[in-house]
Amino acid sequence: MHALVLFLDGVGLGDADPAANPFAAAHTPTLDALAGGQRWLRDAQRHDNGRALFIPTDPRLGVPGRPQSATGQATILTGRNVPAALGEHYGPRPNAAIRALLDADNLFKRVRAAGGSAALLTAFPPRFFAALARGKRLPSAIQHAALSAGVRLPTEDDIYAGTALSPDWTGEGWRSDLGYTDTPLYTPQQAGALLAALARQHTLTFFEHWVSDVIGHKGPLERGVALLELFDAVMAGLLAAWDDEAGVIVITSDHGNLEDLSTRKHTANDVPTVIIGAARHIVADGLHDLTGITPGLTRLLTDSGHSA
């Protein structure tokens, strides 16, 4: 078995207000179908449509305050209630205590220790690596967990080789924002199919998407709507190419943000988790908050009875 985790930073389940919530304004038939015809809104209920299981998921974890990226991502990747361990929600980048928890145990490490392979699929430009080397920025919790497990961060070479994608899936951002003129461009459907093809090569593949959180902090609504409609088309391509018997797709987030553009701050809303594939119930067993994702994927990917 293999798993593809699509991590969407800062995506929660908010009000049915098309003036503030892109999820209430966007045309997203693929995403709605994954939730049994429900829009990804606050009143959406846990639902199994026969292929996908939609689970409203608690990122608050019993800790006061607004959930933050570092503790949320670390919880997703360790199965531990990291905000409770620290006594607070913390972010955006992991502090020493969070890094120590990720170094001790994380999903990438578990998969590799069991003899599987793991990869990140989001590529980073040279200036990102230069900033890391100069100490001008810290890796995200996801990036730190991967590096701690010996999983490398993809580079521009992977973009050209088609072995990784840009954070916006299609590659447009590498041209419009980074100034590249010859990097690959994909239609949303092609990007989805490429995600499926790359996921088949590893036990665990992890795609880190952060544009959603940027829009959640800065807006505008129109950009949020465009992003969700793009993601909907990517998912259509991915689902068309995915073999449900061979693996699962997991979509999840660390905290709310994009779903309420009336504020620039994170929200305390539930986040959506979607598990797609024949083995979805193995992953979903007991999943109601962010601590449930790594235990479920561990059962699927490292238990010989499931991973054979």
Protein backbone atom coordinates (compact mmCIF):
# COMPACT_ATOMS: atom_id res chain seq x y z
CA MET A 1 0.00 0.00 0.00
CA HIS A 2 1.03 3.59 -0.51
CA ALA A 3 -0.31 6.95 0.66
CA LEU A 4 -0.33 10.46 -0.76
CA VAL A 5 -0.84 13.19 1.83
CA LEU A 6 -2.03 16.52 0.46
CA PHE A 7 -1.41 19.05 3.19
CA LEU A 8 -3.29 22.33 2.74
CA ASP A 9 -2.01 24.97 5.14
CA GLY A 10 -4.66 27.07 6.86
CA VAL A 11 -7.91 25.52 5.63
CA GLY A 12 -10.87 25.27 7.99
CA LEU A 13 -14.61 24.72 7.87
CA GLY A 14 -16.31 28.10 8.13
CA ASP A 15 -19.63 29.86 7.67
CA ALA A 16 -21.77 29.71 4.53
CA ASP A 17 -20.91 33.33 3.75
CA PRO A 18 -19.81 33.87 0.14
CA ALA A 19 -18.63 37.38 1.02
CA ALA A 20 -16.00 36.08 3.45
CA ASN A 21 -15.54 32.36 2.78
CA PRO A 22 -14.12 31.22 -0.58
CA PHE A 23 -15.53 27.74 0.08
CA ALA A 24 -19.03 29.25 0.03
CA ALA A 25 -18.36 31.15 -3.20
CA ALA A 26 -16.25 28.78 -5.31
CA HIS A 27 -17.55 26.20 -7.77
CA THR A 28 -16.01 22.98 -6.45
CA PRO A 29 -17.98 19.96 -7.67
CA THR A 30 -15.11 17.52 -7.09
CA LEU A 31 -14.51 18.64 -3.51
CA ASP A 32 -18.24 18.67 -2.78
CA ALA A 33 -18.58 15.12 -4.08
CA LEU A 34 -15.82 13.96 -1.73
CA ALA A 35 -18.02 15.15 1.14
CA GLY A 36 -21.13 13.42 -0.18
CA GLY A 37 -22.45 16.53 -1.92
CA GLN A 38 -21.79 18.82 1.02
CA ARG A 39 -19.82 22.02 0.67
CA TRP A 40 -16.76 22.18 2.90
CA LEU A 41 -18.47 24.39 5.48
CA ARG A 42 -19.03 24.47 9.23
CA ASP A 43 -22.21 22.39 9.09
CA ALA A 44 -20.66 19.60 6.98
CA GLN A 45 -20.97 16.21 8.66
CA ARG A 46 -18.76 13.13 8.64
CA HIS A 47 -19.74 11.25 5.50
CA ASP A 48 -18.63 8.22 3.48
CA ASN A 49 -19.57 8.42 -0.20
CA GLY A 50 -18.31 4.92 -0.99
CA ARG A 51 -14.90 6.11 -2.15
CA ALA A 52 -14.01 8.95 0.19
CA LEU A 53 -14.54 9.58 3.88
CA PHE A 54 -14.97 13.22 4.92
CA ILE A 55 -14.14 13.95 8.57
CA PRO A 56 -14.43 17.35 10.28
CA THR A 57 -11.28 17.33 12.42
CA ASP A 58 -10.42 19.16 15.65
CA PRO A 59 -7.15 21.18 15.50
CA ARG A 60 -7.70 22.84 18.90
CA LEU A 61 -6.72 19.72 20.85
CA GLY A 62 -8.07 21.02 24.15
CA VAL A 63 -5.56 23.90 24.30
CA PRO A 64 -6.83 27.50 24.54
CA GLY A 65 -6.02 29.94 21.77
CA ARG A 66 -5.91 29.81 18.00
CA PRO A 67 -4.18 26.76 16.49
CA GLN A 68 -0.85 27.50 14.82
CA SER A 69 1.17 25.93 12.03
CA ALA A 70 4.18 24.46 13.84
CA THR A 71 2.26 22.66 16.57
CA GLY A 72 -0.52 21.61 14.18
CA GLN A 73 1.86 20.16 11.61
CA ALA A 74 3.92 18.44 14.30
CA THR A 75 0.75 16.89 15.71
CA ILE A 76 -0.24 15.62 12.27
CA LEU A 77 3.21 14.06 11.76
CA THR A 78 3.75 12.55 15.22
CA GLY A 79 0.30 11.60 16.45
CA ARG A 80 1.11 13.44 19.68
CA ASN A 81 -0.86 16.34 21.10
CA VAL A 82 2.01 18.77 20.62
CA PRO A 83 0.15 21.91 21.81
CA ALA A 84 -0.67 20.11 25.06
CA ALA A 85 2.96 19.01 25.43
CA LEU A 86 4.13 22.62 24.98
CA GLY A 87 1.25 24.20 26.88
CA GLU A 88 0.37 26.42 23.92
CA HIS A 89 -0.26 26.60 20.20
CA TYR A 90 2.95 27.77 18.53
CA GLY A 91 4.07 28.84 15.09
CA PRO A 92 4.67 29.40 12.34
CA ARG A 93 8.11 27.70 12.47
CA PRO A 94 8.96 24.98 14.98
CA ASN A 95 10.93 25.98 18.07
CA ALA A 96 13.56 23.77 19.70
CA ALA A 97 11.00 21.79 21.71
CA ILE A 98 8.92 20.99 18.61
CA ARG A 99 12.01 20.10 16.61
CA ALA A 100 13.05 17.69 19.36
CA LEU A 101 9.66 15.95 19.23
CA LEU A 102 9.93 15.62 15.45
CA ASP A 103 13.49 14.32 15.71
CA ALA A 104 12.36 11.65 18.17
CA ASP A 105 9.53 10.31 16.04
CA ASN A 106 7.54 11.26 12.96
CA LEU A 107 5.64 9.57 10.14
CA PHE A 108 8.53 9.79 7.66
CA LYS A 109 10.79 8.03 10.17
CA ARG A 110 8.21 5.32 10.85
CA VAL A 111 7.77 4.51 7.18
CA ARG A 112 11.49 4.38 6.52
CA ALA A 113 12.18 2.30 9.64
CA ALA A 114 9.65 -0.25 8.38
CA GLY A 115 11.53 -0.54 5.08
CA GLY A 116 9.36 1.80 3.05
CA SER A 117 10.31 4.86 1.03
CA ALA A 118 9.16 8.43 1.60
CA ALA A 119 9.32 11.61 -0.44
CA LEU A 120 8.24 15.22 -0.45
CA LEU A 121 6.70 16.40 -3.70
CA THR A 122 6.89 20.19 -3.26
CA ALA A 123 10.01 21.71 -4.79
CA PHE A 124 11.90 24.75 -3.51
CA PRO A 125 13.97 27.30 -5.46
CA PRO A 126 17.67 28.02 -4.84
CA ARG A 127 16.93 31.12 -2.77
CA PHE A 128 15.02 28.97 -0.26
CA PHE A 129 18.03 26.72 0.30
CA ALA A 130 20.34 29.75 0.47
CA ALA A 131 18.18 31.24 3.23
CA LEU A 132 18.28 27.96 5.14
CA ALA A 133 22.05 27.78 4.80
CA ARG A 134 22.47 31.37 6.07
CA GLY A 135 20.16 30.73 9.00
CA LYS A 136 17.73 33.35 7.69
CA ARG A 137 14.79 30.98 7.90
CA LEU A 138 13.84 27.76 9.62
CA PRO A 139 12.25 24.80 7.87
CA SER A 140 8.56 24.28 8.52
CA ALA A 141 7.61 21.43 10.83
CA ILE A 142 6.87 19.29 7.78
CA GLN A 143 10.22 20.09 6.19
CA HIS A 144 12.05 19.49 9.46
CA ALA A 145 10.35 16.11 9.93
CA ALA A 146 11.35 15.05 6.43
CA LEU A 147 14.96 16.16 6.83
CA SER A 148 15.15 14.47 10.23
CA ALA A 149 14.15 11.21 8.53
CA GLY A 150 16.72 11.60 5.76
CA VAL A 151 14.14 12.65 3.17
CA ARG A 152 15.53 15.41 0.98
CA LEU A 153 13.76 18.59 -0.01
CA PRO A 154 13.18 18.71 -3.80
CA THR A 155 14.99 21.37 -5.83
CA GLU A 156 14.56 23.13 -9.15
CA ASP A 157 16.17 20.09 -10.77
CA ASP A 158 13.16 18.05 -9.68
CA ILE A 159 10.84 20.63 -11.21
CA TYR A 160 12.59 20.27 -14.57
CA ALA A 161 12.67 16.47 -14.26
CA GLY A 162 8.98 16.22 -13.40
CA THR A 163 9.74 14.47 -10.10
CA ALA A 164 8.26 17.26 -7.97
CA LEU A 165 5.72 20.06 -8.38
CA SER A 166 5.42 23.69 -7.42
CA PRO A 167 3.25 24.60 -4.42
CA ASP A 168 0.52 25.77 -6.82
CA TRP A 169 0.55 22.39 -8.64
CA THR A 170 0.62 23.74 -12.20
CA GLY A 171 4.01 25.48 -12.11
CA GLU A 172 2.62 28.89 -12.97
CA GLY A 173 4.06 30.43 -9.79
CA TRP A 174 7.62 29.48 -10.70
CA ARG A 175 7.22 31.63 -13.79
CA SER A 176 5.10 34.51 -12.49
CA ASP A 177 6.67 34.84 -9.04
CA LEU A 178 10.18 33.38 -9.37
CA GLY A 179 11.02 34.54 -12.88
CA TYR A 180 11.62 31.19 -14.56
CA THR A 181 10.82 31.05 -18.27
CA ASP A 182 11.30 27.39 -19.15
CA THR A 183 10.01 25.36 -16.19
CA PRO A 184 7.19 22.90 -16.95
CA LEU A 185 3.60 24.07 -16.99
CA TYR A 186 0.77 21.61 -16.38
CA THR A 187 -2.96 21.81 -16.70
CA PRO A 188 -4.67 21.11 -13.37
CA GLN A 189 -5.69 17.67 -14.64
CA GLN A 190 -2.11 16.91 -15.73
CA ALA A 191 -0.82 18.01 -12.32
CA GLY A 192 -3.27 15.68 -10.62
CA ALA A 193 -2.24 12.77 -12.81
CA LEU A 194 1.44 13.52 -12.08
CA LEU A 195 0.74 13.45 -8.34
CA ALA A 196 -0.77 9.98 -8.76
CA ALA A 197 2.18 8.75 -10.83
CA LEU A 198 4.78 10.05 -8.36
CA ALA A 199 2.88 8.61 -5.38
CA ARG A 200 3.06 5.14 -6.93
CA GLN A 201 6.86 5.27 -6.62
CA HIS A 202 6.94 5.55 -2.81
CA THR A 203 5.28 4.20 0.29
CA LEU A 204 4.58 7.74 1.52
CA THR A 205 4.51 10.92 -0.50
CA PHE A 206 3.72 14.27 1.08
CA PHE A 207 2.71 17.43 -0.77
CA GLU A 208 3.01 20.67 1.21
CA HIS A 209 0.77 23.46 -0.07
CA TRP A 210 1.05 26.82 1.69
CA VAL A 211 -0.58 29.26 -0.75
CA SER A 212 -3.92 28.73 0.98
CA ASP A 213 -2.50 30.13 4.23
CA VAL A 214 -0.96 33.13 2.47
CA ILE A 215 -4.33 33.99 0.95
CA GLY A 216 -5.98 33.40 4.32
CA HIS A 217 -3.78 36.10 5.83
CA LYS A 218 -3.81 38.55 2.93
CA GLY A 219 -6.82 37.83 0.71
CA PRO A 220 -8.47 38.83 -1.48
CA LEU A 221 -11.58 36.66 -1.72
CA GLU A 222 -11.27 36.35 -5.48
CA ARG A 223 -7.84 34.81 -5.16
CA GLY A 224 -9.17 32.32 -2.62
CA VAL A 225 -11.99 31.34 -4.95
CA ALA A 226 -9.58 30.89 -7.85
CA LEU A 227 -7.29 28.73 -5.71
CA LEU A 228 -10.11 26.42 -4.62
CA GLU A 229 -11.38 26.03 -8.17
CA LEU A 230 -7.84 25.20 -9.28
CA PHE A 231 -7.51 22.61 -6.50
CA ASP A 232 -10.87 21.15 -7.48
CA ALA A 233 -9.59 20.59 -11.01
CA VAL A 234 -6.31 19.11 -9.73
CA MET A 235 -8.31 16.69 -7.59
CA ALA A 236 -10.39 15.68 -10.61
CA GLY A 237 -7.21 14.72 -12.44
CA LEU A 238 -5.78 12.95 -9.41
CA LEU A 239 -8.93 10.94 -8.74
CA ALA A 240 -9.18 9.86 -12.36
CA ALA A 241 -5.64 8.44 -12.20
CA TRP A 242 -5.74 6.98 -8.69
CA ASP A 243 -6.00 3.26 -7.98
CA ASP A 244 -8.16 2.97 -4.86
CA GLU A 245 -7.09 -0.61 -4.23
CA ALA A 246 -3.39 0.26 -4.17
CA GLY A 247 -3.34 3.24 -1.84
CA VAL A 248 -5.04 6.13 -0.09
CA ILE A 249 -5.08 9.88 -0.52
CA VAL A 250 -5.30 11.95 2.66
CA ILE A 251 -6.19 15.65 2.53
CA THR A 252 -5.85 17.59 5.77
CA SER A 253 -4.82 20.91 7.34
CA ASP A 254 -3.23 22.30 10.49
CA HIS A 255 -5.65 25.12 11.36
CA GLY A 256 -8.34 27.34 9.91
CA ASN A 257 -7.62 30.58 8.05
CA LEU A 258 -8.69 30.67 4.39
CA GLU A 259 -12.35 30.06 5.26
CA ASP A 260 -12.74 33.44 7.01
CA LEU A 261 -11.29 36.35 5.09
CA SER A 262 -13.03 38.85 7.38
CA THR A 263 -9.95 38.43 9.60
CA ARG A 264 -6.25 38.06 8.92
CA LYS A 265 -5.85 35.75 11.89
CA HIS A 266 -6.14 31.99 12.18
CA THR A 267 -9.47 30.57 13.28
CA ALA A 268 -10.40 27.91 15.83
CA ASN A 269 -12.61 26.09 13.33
CA ASP A 270 -12.47 22.38 12.61
CA VAL A 271 -10.39 21.48 9.56
CA PRO A 272 -11.39 19.05 6.79
CA THR A 273 -9.78 15.64 6.57
CA VAL A 274 -10.62 13.51 3.53
CA ILE A 275 -9.42 9.92 3.13
CA ILE A 276 -9.85 8.36 -0.30
CA GLY A 277 -9.38 4.71 -1.23
CA ALA A 278 -10.49 1.22 -0.35
CA ALA A 279 -8.40 1.25 2.85
CA ARG A 280 -9.81 4.56 4.08
CA HIS A 281 -11.39 3.03 7.20
CA ILE A 282 -8.05 1.62 8.35
CA VAL A 283 -6.67 5.16 8.36
CA ALA A 284 -9.82 6.76 9.76
CA ASP A 285 -10.33 4.46 12.74
CA GLY A 286 -10.48 6.70 15.80
CA LEU A 287 -9.68 9.86 13.84
CA HIS A 288 -11.48 12.89 15.23
CA ASP A 289 -8.61 15.32 15.82
CA LEU A 290 -5.15 15.90 14.33
CA THR A 291 -3.55 13.27 16.58
CA GLY A 292 -5.33 10.52 14.61
CA ILE A 293 -3.67 10.92 11.22
CA THR A 294 -0.21 9.44 11.83
CA PRO A 295 -1.53 6.44 13.81
CA GLY A 296 -3.93 5.65 10.96
CA LEU A 297 -1.27 5.93 8.29
CA THR A 298 1.14 3.93 10.44
CA ARG A 299 -1.39 1.09 10.60
CA LEU A 300 -1.77 1.13 6.85
CA LEU A 301 1.82 1.63 5.74
CA THR A 302 3.90 -0.26 8.31
CA ASP A 303 1.63 -3.18 9.31
CA SER A 304 2.75 -6.05 7.07
CA GLY A 305 -0.80 -7.32 6.83
CA HIS A 306 -1.90 -4.08 5.20
CA SER A 307 1.22 -2.95 3.37
CA ALA A 308 1.95 -6.23 1.62
